[in-house]
Amino acid sequence: MSKTISVHITPVADFELPIVCKPEGKGIFINKSTIADGTFLKYKWEFGDTLQKASSILQDGIHYFKNIQPYTIKLSATSQFNCSAEKTKVLKTIYNQSKAGFTSIDATCVGSPVQFTNTSQSVNGSFSEFHWILANKVQYSENNPIITFTNKGDAIIKFFAKDSIGCFTDTIQKNIKIYDYPKVDAGPDFYVLEDAKKLVKATATGQSLVFSWEPKTYLNKSDTLTPFVIMPKEDIVYTLSVVGLGNCKISDEVKIFSLKKPTPPNTFTPNGDGINDTWEIEFLSKYTGCIVEVYTTQGQLVFKSVGYSTPWNGTYKGNPLPAGTYYYAIDPKNDRNKIAGL
């Protein structure tokens, strides 16, 4: 009498130990068990956790560890013919979470670069990845990025890092206020009589504005938007600087032309010798729109000019006038009184 005995293949149990990161403490154990004939295997995991008597029959084991200590992990693999194998390993790769940190300014201006400095402290060696995330989902991966914000408002920056073990820090965030620059116009260039005063017609919009004019020469005030220029003795360019919220500063310039009193000479000699041939009226050429008229003693107009960039040469309709007495009337405009004489 004979009897048939079936011999079945025994599986080989094996698995990979994971890196477990606190505070979640999740460990995923990748099952590497095999059986030569490729048939189905059943599994049982034991995680060696005295605080949580947990086991699993999933192919890959998953367990949440509360403490940082060694755990003995056992995997049993059983074939369809109840042939079993076991594999035991000690899990020691459980790591505390590092703390994320960074520094930056709290407020800035639209278009100004902001330096972010990573101050995170790793408890597991160095960091291998850096994640800076803006509200618009834009991300930066540098250790210490420089970021420029193009829109005003509150910018929210989130940051976390990954250490060389593979564990992530906590995620922290900071709000940075982004302020717009003030709007400023120092006003149009203008003329001021050297013996008078005139208001600068500057404009500015924004909140909590602070004004500063440079240089302060001839100004009644240098910390107001619209100062008076008082009796300027020469042309000068002023720079108006305006500082608004967030210390956002912007500047504009205005040029002031000093108008000295014209001094018409009462004689000139248009004889063609190159000396005193034209009626040179000092300072008058700067008076835009001025009107110069010359009359004979009988009241005949012999010369008229609007503006005085080209001095009179003593002619009328291209012909030299005879020597004699002539009357002149000058209207300088630009707030200067009329001048007359002979």
C-alpha atoms as a PDB file:
ATOM      1  CA  MET A   1       0.000   0.000   0.000  1.00  0.00           C
ATOM      2  CA  SER A   2       1.411   3.425  -0.960  1.00  0.00           C
ATOM      3  CA  LYS A   3       0.547   6.994  -0.011  1.00  0.00           C
ATOM      4  CA  THR A   4       1.191  10.251  -1.905  1.00  0.00           C
ATOM      5  CA  ILE A   5       2.787  13.096  -0.012  1.00  0.00           C
ATOM      6  CA  SER A   6       2.589  16.621  -1.410  1.00  0.00           C
ATOM      7  CA  VAL A   7       5.586  18.868  -0.870  1.00  0.00           C
ATOM      8  CA  HIS A   8       4.884  22.603  -1.157  1.00  0.00           C
ATOM      9  CA  ILE A   9       7.181  25.574  -1.433  1.00  0.00           C
ATOM     10  CA  THR A  10       7.837  27.651   1.665  1.00  0.00           C
ATOM     11  CA  PRO A  11       7.664  31.424   1.166  1.00  0.00           C
ATOM     12  CA  VAL A  12      10.504  33.774   2.017  1.00  0.00           C
ATOM     13  CA  ALA A  13       9.378  36.561   4.346  1.00  0.00           C
ATOM     14  CA  ASP A  14      11.084  39.917   4.146  1.00  0.00           C
ATOM     15  CA  PHE A  15      10.299  43.638   4.432  1.00  0.00           C
ATOM     16  CA  GLU A  16      11.890  47.062   4.430  1.00  0.00           C
ATOM     17  CA  LEU A  17      12.144  49.152   7.586  1.00  0.00           C
ATOM     18  CA  PRO A  18      10.805  52.682   7.109  1.00  0.00           C
ATOM     19  CA  ILE A  19      11.950  56.083   8.295  1.00  0.00           C
ATOM     20  CA  VAL A  20       9.382  57.167  10.887  1.00  0.00           C
ATOM     21  CA  CYS A  21       8.970  60.887  11.512  1.00  0.00           C
ATOM     22  CA  LYS A  22       7.307  62.447  14.519  1.00  0.00           C
ATOM     23  CA  PRO A  23       4.887  63.862  15.451  1.00  0.00           C
ATOM     24  CA  GLU A  24       2.722  61.716  13.173  1.00  0.00           C
ATOM     25  CA  GLY A  25       4.846  58.628  13.815  1.00  0.00           C
ATOM     26  CA  LYS A  26       3.513  56.794  10.767  1.00  0.00           C
ATOM     27  CA  GLY A  27       5.543  53.800   9.665  1.00  0.00           C
ATOM     28  CA  ILE A  28       4.879  52.078   6.322  1.00  0.00           C
ATOM     29  CA  PHE A  29       6.591  48.716   6.019  1.00  0.00           C
ATOM     30  CA  ILE A  30       7.097  47.618   2.407  1.00  0.00           C
ATOM     31  CA  ASN A  31       6.557  43.889   2.063  1.00  0.00           C
ATOM     32  CA  LYS A  32       9.320  42.140   0.094  1.00  0.00           C
ATOM     33  CA  SER A  33       8.123  38.571   0.714  1.00  0.00           C
ATOM     34  CA  THR A  34       8.233  36.085  -2.160  1.00  0.00           C
ATOM     35  CA  ILE A  35       7.294  32.521  -3.034  1.00  0.00           C
ATOM     36  CA  ALA A  36       8.876  30.653  -5.915  1.00  0.00           C
ATOM     37  CA  ASP A  37       5.659  29.567  -7.584  1.00  0.00           C
ATOM     38  CA  GLY A  38       4.155  33.047  -7.403  1.00  0.00           C
ATOM     39  CA  THR A  39       1.045  31.907  -5.582  1.00  0.00           C
ATOM     40  CA  PHE A  40      -1.001  33.985  -3.157  1.00  0.00           C
ATOM     41  CA  LEU A  41       0.353  34.733   0.306  1.00  0.00           C
ATOM     42  CA  LYS A  42      -1.378  35.824   3.488  1.00  0.00           C
ATOM     43  CA  TYR A  43       0.375  38.149   5.912  1.00  0.00           C
ATOM     44  CA  LYS A  44       0.372  39.095   9.539  1.00  0.00           C
ATOM     45  CA  TRP A  45       2.273  41.996  10.996  1.00  0.00           C
ATOM     46  CA  GLU A  46       3.201  42.479  14.644  1.00  0.00           C
ATOM     47  CA  PHE A  47       4.667  45.846  15.556  1.00  0.00           C
ATOM     48  CA  GLY A  48       6.095  45.191  19.035  1.00  0.00           C
ATOM     49  CA  ASP A  49       4.182  48.131  20.488  1.00  0.00           C
ATOM     50  CA  THR A  50       3.226  47.465  24.098  1.00  0.00           C
ATOM     51  CA  LEU A  51       1.144  50.651  24.213  1.00  0.00           C
ATOM     52  CA  GLN A  52      -0.923  49.618  21.197  1.00  0.00           C
ATOM     53  CA  LYS A  53      -1.513  45.913  20.770  1.00  0.00           C
ATOM     54  CA  ALA A  54      -1.944  46.332  17.077  1.00  0.00           C
ATOM     55  CA  SER A  55      -1.385  43.930  14.229  1.00  0.00           C
ATOM     56  CA  SER A  56      -2.252  43.967  10.553  1.00  0.00           C
ATOM     57  CA  ILE A  57      -3.028  41.508   7.763  1.00  0.00           C
ATOM     58  CA  LEU A  58      -2.398  43.994   4.958  1.00  0.00           C
ATOM     59  CA  GLN A  59       0.335  43.283   2.478  1.00  0.00           C
ATOM     60  CA  ASP A  60       2.263  46.382   3.560  1.00  0.00           C
ATOM     61  CA  GLY A  61       2.230  47.074   7.260  1.00  0.00           C
ATOM     62  CA  ILE A  62       1.150  50.454   8.613  1.00  0.00           C
ATOM     63  CA  HIS A  63       1.492  51.512  12.223  1.00  0.00           C
ATOM     64  CA  TYR A  64       1.658  54.794  14.184  1.00  0.00           C
ATOM     65  CA  PHE A  65       4.384  54.849  16.829  1.00  0.00           C
ATOM     66  CA  LYS A  66       4.070  57.151  19.821  1.00  0.00           C
ATOM     67  CA  ASN A  67       7.506  56.799  21.385  1.00  0.00           C
ATOM     68  CA  ILE A  68      11.040  57.082  20.098  1.00  0.00           C
ATOM     69  CA  GLN A  69      12.458  53.686  21.034  1.00  0.00           C
ATOM     70  CA  PRO A  70      13.367  50.392  19.356  1.00  0.00           C
ATOM     71  CA  TYR A  71      10.425  48.249  18.228  1.00  0.00           C
ATOM     72  CA  THR A  72      10.613  44.600  17.211  1.00  0.00           C
ATOM     73  CA  ILE A  73       8.693  44.113  13.996  1.00  0.00           C
ATOM     74  CA  LYS A  74       7.649  40.644  12.862  1.00  0.00           C
ATOM     75  CA  LEU A  75       6.117  39.635   9.546  1.00  0.00           C
ATOM     76  CA  SER A  76       4.576  36.232   8.928  1.00  0.00           C
ATOM     77  CA  ALA A  77       3.941  35.101   5.339  1.00  0.00           C
ATOM     78  CA  THR A  78       1.698  32.032   4.779  1.00  0.00           C
ATOM     79  CA  SER A  79       1.034  30.260   1.496  1.00  0.00           C
ATOM     80  CA  GLN A  80      -2.268  28.784   0.393  1.00  0.00           C
ATOM     81  CA  PHE A  81      -1.002  25.442   1.714  1.00  0.00           C
ATOM     82  CA  ASN A  82      -0.288  26.917   5.160  1.00  0.00           C
ATOM     83  CA  CYS A  83       3.442  26.911   4.658  1.00  0.00           C
ATOM     84  CA  SER A  84       4.733  29.830   6.709  1.00  0.00           C
ATOM     85  CA  ALA A  85       7.858  31.884   7.149  1.00  0.00           C
ATOM     86  CA  GLU A  86       8.673  34.724   9.506  1.00  0.00           C
ATOM     87  CA  LYS A  87      11.011  37.688   9.441  1.00  0.00           C
ATOM     88  CA  THR A  88      11.893  39.800  12.453  1.00  0.00           C
ATOM     89  CA  LYS A  89      13.686  43.149  12.381  1.00  0.00           C
ATOM     90  CA  VAL A  90      14.234  45.885  14.931  1.00  0.00           C
ATOM     91  CA  LEU A  91      12.952  49.349  14.004  1.00  0.00           C
ATOM     92  CA  LYS A  92      15.278  52.053  15.323  1.00  0.00           C
ATOM     93  CA  THR A  93      14.740  54.763  12.717  1.00  0.00           C
ATOM     94  CA  ILE A  94      12.179  56.949  14.525  1.00  0.00           C
ATOM     95  CA  TYR A  95      13.038  60.641  14.583  1.00  0.00           C
ATOM     96  CA  ASN A  96      11.823  63.790  16.287  1.00  0.00           C
ATOM     97  CA  GLN A  97      10.517  66.657  14.194  1.00  0.00           C
ATOM     98  CA  SER A  98      12.772  69.641  13.565  1.00  0.00           C
ATOM     99  CA  LYS A  99      11.442  73.123  14.173  1.00  0.00           C
ATOM    100  CA  ALA A 100      11.048  75.481  11.222  1.00  0.00           C
ATOM    101  CA  GLY A 101      11.964  79.129  11.528  1.00  0.00           C
ATOM    102  CA  PHE A 102      12.816  82.134   9.381  1.00  0.00           C
ATOM    103  CA  THR A 103      13.304  85.867   9.617  1.00  0.00           C
ATOM    104  CA  SER A 104      12.362  88.736   7.308  1.00  0.00           C
ATOM    105  CA  ILE A 105      11.196  92.310   7.489  1.00  0.00           C
ATOM    106  CA  ASP A 106       7.549  92.815   8.459  1.00  0.00           C
ATOM    107  CA  ALA A 107       6.690  95.363   5.776  1.00  0.00           C
ATOM    108  CA  THR A 108       8.041  96.482   2.419  1.00  0.00           C
ATOM    109  CA  CYS A 109       7.137  98.340  -0.765  1.00  0.00           C
ATOM    110  CA  VAL A 110       5.728  97.051  -4.034  1.00  0.00           C
ATOM    111  CA  GLY A 111       8.592  95.918  -6.253  1.00  0.00           C
ATOM    112  CA  SER A 112      11.207  95.879  -3.479  1.00  0.00           C
ATOM    113  CA  PRO A 113      13.127  92.604  -2.944  1.00  0.00           C
ATOM    114  CA  VAL A 114      12.728  90.929   0.461  1.00  0.00           C
ATOM    115  CA  GLN A 115      15.423  88.686   1.928  1.00  0.00           C
ATOM    116  CA  PHE A 116      14.143  85.588   3.763  1.00  0.00           C
ATOM    117  CA  THR A 117      16.638  83.886   6.080  1.00  0.00           C
ATOM    118  CA  ASN A 118      16.098  80.298   7.154  1.00  0.00           C
ATOM    119  CA  THR A 119      16.738  79.917  10.907  1.00  0.00           C
ATOM    120  CA  SER A 120      15.427  76.347  11.256  1.00  0.00           C
ATOM    121  CA  GLN A 121      17.281  74.004  13.592  1.00  0.00           C
ATOM    122  CA  SER A 122      17.529  70.375  12.524  1.00  0.00           C
ATOM    123  CA  VAL A 123      17.649  67.623  15.135  1.00  0.00           C
ATOM    124  CA  ASN A 124      18.434  65.057  12.449  1.00  0.00           C
ATOM    125  CA  GLY A 125      21.436  66.470  10.627  1.00  0.00           C
ATOM    126  CA  SER A 126      21.320  68.971   7.789  1.00  0.00           C
ATOM    127  CA  PHE A 127      18.409  70.031   5.603  1.00  0.00           C
ATOM    128  CA  SER A 128      18.033  68.744   2.060  1.00  0.00           C
ATOM    129  CA  GLU A 129      14.921  70.577   0.822  1.00  0.00           C
ATOM    130  CA  PHE A 130      13.337  73.985   1.396  1.00  0.00           C
ATOM    131  CA  HIS A 131       9.749  74.907   0.589  1.00  0.00           C
ATOM    132  CA  TRP A 132       8.612  78.540   0.534  1.00  0.00           C
ATOM    133  CA  ILE A 133       5.002  78.891  -0.582  1.00  0.00           C
ATOM    134  CA  LEU A 134       3.144  82.101  -1.410  1.00  0.00           C
ATOM    135  CA  ALA A 135      -0.613  82.583  -1.365  1.00  0.00           C
ATOM    136  CA  ASN A 136      -0.696  82.426  -5.166  1.00  0.00           C
ATOM    137  CA  LYS A 137       0.902  78.937  -5.000  1.00  0.00           C
ATOM    138  CA  VAL A 138       4.243  80.166  -6.327  1.00  0.00           C
ATOM    139  CA  GLN A 139       7.037  78.200  -4.628  1.00  0.00           C
ATOM    140  CA  TYR A 140      10.727  78.845  -3.998  1.00  0.00           C
ATOM    141  CA  SER A 141      13.240  76.106  -3.166  1.00  0.00           C
ATOM    142  CA  GLU A 142      16.305  78.117  -2.107  1.00  0.00           C
ATOM    143  CA  ASN A 143      17.596  78.049   1.436  1.00  0.00           C
ATOM    144  CA  ASN A 144      17.454  81.855   1.767  1.00  0.00           C
ATOM    145  CA  PRO A 145      15.389  83.214  -1.126  1.00  0.00           C
ATOM    146  CA  ILE A 146      14.954  86.822  -2.185  1.00  0.00           C
ATOM    147  CA  ILE A 147      11.335  87.462  -3.192  1.00  0.00           C
ATOM    148  CA  THR A 148       9.856  90.532  -4.875  1.00  0.00           C
ATOM    149  CA  PHE A 149       6.161  91.276  -4.339  1.00  0.00           C
ATOM    150  CA  THR A 150       4.363  93.078  -7.168  1.00  0.00           C
ATOM    151  CA  ASN A 151       0.977  93.710  -5.527  1.00  0.00           C
ATOM    152  CA  LYS A 152       0.118  95.692  -2.424  1.00  0.00           C
ATOM    153  CA  GLY A 153      -1.701  94.059   0.498  1.00  0.00           C
ATOM    154  CA  ASP A 154      -0.936  91.263   2.951  1.00  0.00           C
ATOM    155  CA  ALA A 155       1.453  88.625   1.615  1.00  0.00           C
ATOM    156  CA  ILE A 156       1.305  85.253   3.380  1.00  0.00           C
ATOM    157  CA  ILE A 157       4.513  83.190   3.325  1.00  0.00           C
ATOM    158  CA  LYS A 158       4.473  79.532   4.399  1.00  0.00           C
ATOM    159  CA  PHE A 159       7.685  77.610   4.990  1.00  0.00           C
ATOM    160  CA  PHE A 160       8.791  74.088   5.832  1.00  0.00           C
ATOM    161  CA  ALA A 161      11.939  72.061   5.195  1.00  0.00           C
ATOM    162  CA  LYS A 162      13.006  68.451   4.803  1.00  0.00           C
ATOM    163  CA  ASP A 163      16.048  67.111   6.626  1.00  0.00           C
ATOM    164  CA  SER A 164      18.635  64.654   5.366  1.00  0.00           C
ATOM    165  CA  ILE A 165      16.834  61.785   7.149  1.00  0.00           C
ATOM    166  CA  GLY A 166      13.689  62.484   5.140  1.00  0.00           C
ATOM    167  CA  CYS A 167      11.558  64.066   7.864  1.00  0.00           C
ATOM    168  CA  PHE A 168       9.744  67.376   7.413  1.00  0.00           C
ATOM    169  CA  THR A 169       9.720  70.251   9.859  1.00  0.00           C
ATOM    170  CA  ASP A 170       6.508  71.806  11.033  1.00  0.00           C
ATOM    171  CA  THR A 171       5.010  74.463   8.752  1.00  0.00           C
ATOM    172  CA  ILE A 172       5.120  78.086   9.836  1.00  0.00           C
ATOM    173  CA  GLN A 173       3.764  81.208   8.176  1.00  0.00           C
ATOM    174  CA  LYS A 174       4.188  84.953   8.377  1.00  0.00           C
ATOM    175  CA  ASN A 175       2.232  87.902   7.051  1.00  0.00           C
ATOM    176  CA  ILE A 176       4.184  90.697   5.382  1.00  0.00           C
ATOM    177  CA  LYS A 177       2.498  93.986   4.584  1.00  0.00           C
ATOM    178  CA  ILE A 178       3.204  95.235   1.073  1.00  0.00           C
ATOM    179  CA  TYR A 179       2.656  98.967   0.659  1.00  0.00           C
ATOM    180  CA  ASP A 180       2.285 100.936  -2.539  1.00  0.00           C
ATOM    181  CA  TYR A 181       4.491 103.947  -3.200  1.00  0.00           C
ATOM    182  CA  PRO A 182       2.961 107.395  -2.817  1.00  0.00           C
ATOM    183  CA  LYS A 183       2.164 109.331  -5.977  1.00  0.00           C
ATOM    184  CA  VAL A 184       4.171 112.551  -6.244  1.00  0.00           C
ATOM    185  CA  ASP A 185       4.556 115.402  -8.716  1.00  0.00           C
ATOM    186  CA  ALA A 186       6.890 118.226  -7.738  1.00  0.00           C
ATOM    187  CA  GLY A 187       4.983 120.464 -10.141  1.00  0.00           C
ATOM    188  CA  PRO A 188       5.924 122.252 -13.366  1.00  0.00           C
ATOM    189  CA  ASP A 189       9.160 124.204 -13.672  1.00  0.00           C
ATOM    190  CA  PHE A 190       8.497 127.909 -13.103  1.00  0.00           C
ATOM    191  CA  TYR A 191       9.987 131.390 -12.841  1.00  0.00           C
ATOM    192  CA  VAL A 192      10.309 133.473  -9.673  1.00  0.00           C
ATOM    193  CA  LEU A 193      11.343 137.102  -9.426  1.00  0.00           C
ATOM    194  CA  GLU A 194      14.551 137.458  -7.453  1.00  0.00           C
ATOM    195  CA  ASP A 195      12.847 140.017  -5.203  1.00  0.00           C
ATOM    196  CA  ALA A 196       9.546 138.129  -4.743  1.00  0.00           C
ATOM    197  CA  LYS A 197       8.169 134.777  -3.655  1.00  0.00           C
ATOM    198  CA  LYS A 198       6.112 132.058  -5.312  1.00  0.00           C
ATOM    199  CA  LEU A 199       4.350 128.886  -4.213  1.00  0.00           C
ATOM    200  CA  VAL A 200       5.573 125.516  -5.455  1.00  0.00           C
ATOM    201  CA  LYS A 201       2.602 123.686  -6.996  1.00  0.00           C
ATOM    202  CA  ALA A 202       3.510 120.152  -5.950  1.00  0.00           C
ATOM    203  CA  THR A 203       0.940 117.375  -5.465  1.00  0.00           C
ATOM    204  CA  ALA A 204       1.074 114.030  -3.664  1.00  0.00           C
ATOM    205  CA  THR A 205      -1.352 111.263  -2.744  1.00  0.00           C
ATOM    206  CA  GLY A 206      -1.034 108.515  -0.163  1.00  0.00           C
ATOM    207  CA  GLN A 207      -1.390 107.950   3.570  1.00  0.00           C
ATOM    208  CA  SER A 208       0.731 109.280   6.447  1.00  0.00           C
ATOM    209  CA  LEU A 209       2.961 111.202   4.059  1.00  0.00           C
ATOM    210  CA  VAL A 210       6.180 112.888   5.167  1.00  0.00           C
ATOM    211  CA  PHE A 211       7.709 115.554   2.907  1.00  0.00           C
ATOM    212  CA  SER A 212      11.293 116.668   2.486  1.00  0.00           C
ATOM    213  CA  TRP A 213      12.787 119.210   0.058  1.00  0.00           C
ATOM    214  CA  GLU A 214      16.450 119.429  -0.889  1.00  0.00           C
ATOM    215  CA  PRO A 215      18.226 121.763  -0.970  1.00  0.00           C
ATOM    216  CA  LYS A 216      16.488 123.991   1.557  1.00  0.00           C
ATOM    217  CA  THR A 217      17.913 127.164   0.025  1.00  0.00           C
ATOM    218  CA  TYR A 218      15.322 129.939  -0.544  1.00  0.00           C
ATOM    219  CA  LEU A 219      12.449 127.795   0.831  1.00  0.00           C
ATOM    220  CA  ASN A 220      10.305 129.024   3.703  1.00  0.00           C
ATOM    221  CA  LYS A 221       9.801 125.389   4.783  1.00  0.00           C
ATOM    222  CA  SER A 222      11.403 122.122   3.707  1.00  0.00           C
ATOM    223  CA  ASP A 223       8.937 119.700   5.352  1.00  0.00           C
ATOM    224  CA  THR A 224       5.713 120.757   3.645  1.00  0.00           C
ATOM    225  CA  LEU A 225       4.259 119.758   0.288  1.00  0.00           C
ATOM    226  CA  THR A 226       3.918 123.284  -1.120  1.00  0.00           C
ATOM    227  CA  PRO A 227       6.566 125.641   0.245  1.00  0.00           C
ATOM    228  CA  PHE A 228       7.264 129.164  -0.975  1.00  0.00           C
ATOM    229  CA  VAL A 229      10.418 129.945  -2.927  1.00  0.00           C
ATOM    230  CA  ILE A 230      11.540 133.297  -1.553  1.00  0.00           C
ATOM    231  CA  MET A 231      13.810 135.721  -3.436  1.00  0.00           C
ATOM    232  CA  PRO A 232      15.979 133.181  -5.278  1.00  0.00           C
ATOM    233  CA  LYS A 233      19.284 134.611  -6.476  1.00  0.00           C
ATOM    234  CA  GLU A 234      20.044 131.876  -9.015  1.00  0.00           C
ATOM    235  CA  ASP A 235      18.387 129.012 -10.852  1.00  0.00           C
ATOM    236  CA  ILE A 236      17.979 125.919  -8.703  1.00  0.00           C
ATOM    237  CA  VAL A 237      16.669 122.365  -8.967  1.00  0.00           C
ATOM    238  CA  TYR A 238      14.693 121.089  -5.991  1.00  0.00           C
ATOM    239  CA  THR A 239      14.069 117.437  -5.163  1.00  0.00           C
ATOM    240  CA  LEU A 240      10.862 116.569  -3.326  1.00  0.00           C
ATOM    241  CA  SER A 241      11.019 113.253  -1.445  1.00  0.00           C
ATOM    242  CA  VAL A 242       7.822 111.740  -0.083  1.00  0.00           C
ATOM    243  CA  VAL A 243       7.736 108.855   2.397  1.00  0.00           C
ATOM    244  CA  GLY A 244       4.489 106.950   2.935  1.00  0.00           C
ATOM    245  CA  LEU A 245       3.332 103.825   4.737  1.00  0.00           C
ATOM    246  CA  GLY A 246       5.938 101.087   5.007  1.00  0.00           C
ATOM    247  CA  ASN A 247       8.685 103.707   4.646  1.00  0.00           C
ATOM    248  CA  CYS A 248       8.069 103.665   0.891  1.00  0.00           C
ATOM    249  CA  LYS A 249       9.913 106.636  -0.585  1.00  0.00           C
ATOM    250  CA  ILE A 250       9.615 108.306  -3.974  1.00  0.00           C
ATOM    251  CA  SER A 251      11.047 111.535  -5.364  1.00  0.00           C
ATOM    252  CA  ASP A 252      10.478 114.090  -8.120  1.00  0.00           C
ATOM    253  CA  GLU A 253      12.259 117.239  -9.258  1.00  0.00           C
ATOM    254  CA  VAL A 254      11.250 120.772 -10.190  1.00  0.00           C
ATOM    255  CA  LYS A 255      13.461 123.532 -11.594  1.00  0.00           C
ATOM    256  CA  ILE A 256      13.126 127.146 -10.489  1.00  0.00           C
ATOM    257  CA  PHE A 257      14.379 129.962 -12.701  1.00  0.00           C
ATOM    258  CA  SER A 258      15.412 133.138 -10.924  1.00  0.00           C
ATOM    259  CA  LEU A 259      14.323 136.262 -12.789  1.00  0.00           C
ATOM    260  CA  LYS A 260      16.596 139.210 -12.102  1.00  0.00           C
ATOM    261  CA  LYS A 261      15.367 142.706 -12.875  1.00  0.00           C
ATOM    262  CA  PRO A 262      16.173 143.718 -16.469  1.00  0.00           C
ATOM    263  CA  THR A 263      18.412 146.785 -16.778  1.00  0.00           C
ATOM    264  CA  PRO A 264      18.000 148.443 -20.204  1.00  0.00           C
ATOM    265  CA  PRO A 265      21.000 150.602 -21.198  1.00  0.00           C
ATOM    266  CA  ASN A 266      20.111 154.130 -22.335  1.00  0.00           C
ATOM    267  CA  THR A 267      22.619 154.132 -25.191  1.00  0.00           C
ATOM    268  CA  PHE A 268      24.113 151.852 -27.783  1.00  0.00           C
ATOM    269  CA  THR A 269      26.113 152.486 -30.971  1.00  0.00           C
ATOM    270  CA  PRO A 270      25.028 150.375 -33.961  1.00  0.00           C
ATOM    271  CA  ASN A 271      27.887 151.514 -36.192  1.00  0.00           C
ATOM    272  CA  GLY A 272      29.162 148.098 -37.206  1.00  0.00           C
ATOM    273  CA  ASP A 273      32.422 148.271 -35.261  1.00  0.00           C
ATOM    274  CA  GLY A 274      31.473 145.184 -33.240  1.00  0.00           C
ATOM    275  CA  ILE A 275      31.337 147.138 -29.983  1.00  0.00           C
ATOM    276  CA  ASN A 276      27.951 147.842 -28.420  1.00  0.00           C
ATOM    277  CA  ASP A 277      26.248 147.354 -31.800  1.00  0.00           C
ATOM    278  CA  THR A 278      22.997 145.960 -30.361  1.00  0.00           C
ATOM    279  CA  TRP A 279      20.722 146.951 -27.529  1.00  0.00           C
ATOM    280  CA  GLU A 280      21.699 144.309 -24.934  1.00  0.00           C
ATOM    281  CA  ILE A 281      19.181 144.240 -22.078  1.00  0.00           C
ATOM    282  CA  GLU A 282      20.679 142.157 -19.312  1.00  0.00           C
ATOM    283  CA  PHE A 283      18.481 139.344 -17.919  1.00  0.00           C
ATOM    284  CA  LEU A 284      15.550 140.041 -20.274  1.00  0.00           C
ATOM    285  CA  SER A 285      16.089 136.935 -22.439  1.00  0.00           C
ATOM    286  CA  LYS A 286      14.829 134.731 -19.569  1.00  0.00           C
ATOM    287  CA  TYR A 287      11.471 136.501 -19.523  1.00  0.00           C
ATOM    288  CA  THR A 288       9.450 134.285 -21.844  1.00  0.00           C
ATOM    289  CA  GLY A 289       6.665 136.202 -23.578  1.00  0.00           C
ATOM    290  CA  CYS A 290       8.004 139.635 -22.709  1.00  0.00           C
ATOM    291  CA  ILE A 291       7.117 142.514 -25.074  1.00  0.00           C
ATOM    292  CA  VAL A 292       9.677 145.125 -26.080  1.00  0.00           C
ATOM    293  CA  GLU A 293       8.643 148.241 -28.027  1.00  0.00           C
ATOM    294  CA  VAL A 294      10.701 151.264 -29.188  1.00  0.00           C
ATOM    295  CA  TYR A 295       9.162 154.560 -30.384  1.00  0.00           C
ATOM    296  CA  THR A 296      10.407 157.792 -31.894  1.00  0.00           C
ATOM    297  CA  THR A 297       9.741 161.013 -30.035  1.00  0.00           C
ATOM    298  CA  GLN A 298       6.785 161.495 -32.386  1.00  0.00           C
ATOM    299  CA  GLY A 299       5.293 158.177 -31.205  1.00  0.00           C
ATOM    300  CA  GLN A 300       6.112 156.050 -34.266  1.00  0.00           C
ATOM    301  CA  LEU A 301       6.731 152.386 -33.450  1.00  0.00           C
ATOM    302  CA  VAL A 302      10.109 151.405 -34.923  1.00  0.00           C
ATOM    303  CA  PHE A 303      10.745 148.127 -33.139  1.00  0.00           C
ATOM    304  CA  LYS A 304       8.655 145.444 -31.476  1.00  0.00           C
ATOM    305  CA  SER A 305       9.608 142.012 -30.211  1.00  0.00           C
ATOM    306  CA  VAL A 306       7.782 139.268 -28.293  1.00  0.00           C
ATOM    307  CA  GLY A 307      10.531 137.653 -26.311  1.00  0.00           C
ATOM    308  CA  TYR A 308      14.004 139.096 -26.522  1.00  0.00           C
ATOM    309  CA  SER A 309      16.365 136.340 -27.604  1.00  0.00           C
ATOM    310  CA  THR A 310      17.754 138.541 -30.427  1.00  0.00           C
ATOM    311  CA  PRO A 311      18.704 142.079 -29.308  1.00  0.00           C
ATOM    312  CA  TRP A 312      17.635 145.082 -31.457  1.00  0.00           C
ATOM    313  CA  ASN A 313      20.295 146.354 -33.869  1.00  0.00           C
ATOM    314  CA  GLY A 314      18.938 149.888 -34.276  1.00  0.00           C
ATOM    315  CA  THR A 315      17.249 149.393 -37.643  1.00  0.00           C
ATOM    316  CA  TYR A 316      13.708 149.917 -38.912  1.00  0.00           C
ATOM    317  CA  LYS A 317      12.518 147.833 -41.856  1.00  0.00           C
ATOM    318  CA  GLY A 318      16.130 146.925 -42.541  1.00  0.00           C
ATOM    319  CA  ASN A 319      17.443 150.499 -42.566  1.00  0.00           C
ATOM    320  CA  PRO A 320      19.569 152.115 -39.842  1.00  0.00           C
ATOM    321  CA  LEU A 321      17.764 154.697 -37.793  1.00  0.00           C
ATOM    322  CA  PRO A 322      19.374 158.064 -37.231  1.00  0.00           C
ATOM    323  CA  ALA A 323      21.010 158.813 -33.919  1.00  0.00           C
ATOM    324  CA  GLY A 324      18.649 160.458 -31.489  1.00  0.00           C
ATOM    325  CA  THR A 325      16.286 159.951 -28.607  1.00  0.00           C
ATOM    326  CA  TYR A 326      13.899 157.012 -28.621  1.00  0.00           C
ATOM    327  CA  TYR A 327      11.393 155.857 -26.070  1.00  0.00           C
ATOM    328  CA  TYR A 328      11.129 152.245 -24.970  1.00  0.00           C
ATOM    329  CA  ALA A 329       8.373 150.302 -23.203  1.00  0.00           C
ATOM    330  CA  ILE A 330       9.100 146.859 -21.837  1.00  0.00           C
ATOM    331  CA  ASP A 331       6.464 144.521 -20.421  1.00  0.00           C
ATOM    332  CA  PRO A 332       8.478 141.651 -18.874  1.00  0.00           C
ATOM    333  CA  LYS A 333       5.342 139.696 -17.921  1.00  0.00           C
ATOM    334  CA  ASN A 334       6.067 136.963 -15.319  1.00  0.00           C
ATOM    335  CA  ASP A 335       4.740 139.221 -12.521  1.00  0.00           C
ATOM    336  CA  ARG A 336       7.365 141.911 -13.182  1.00  0.00           C
ATOM    337  CA  ASN A 337       6.167 145.548 -13.496  1.00  0.00           C
ATOM    338  CA  LYS A 338       6.481 147.332 -16.824  1.00  0.00           C
ATOM    339  CA  ILE A 339       9.645 149.303 -17.518  1.00  0.00           C
ATOM    340  CA  ALA A 340       9.808 152.494 -19.579  1.00  0.00           C
ATOM    341  CA  GLY A 341      12.472 155.059 -20.421  1.00  0.00           C
ATOM    342  CA  LEU A 342      14.454 156.752 -23.158  1.00  0.00           C
END
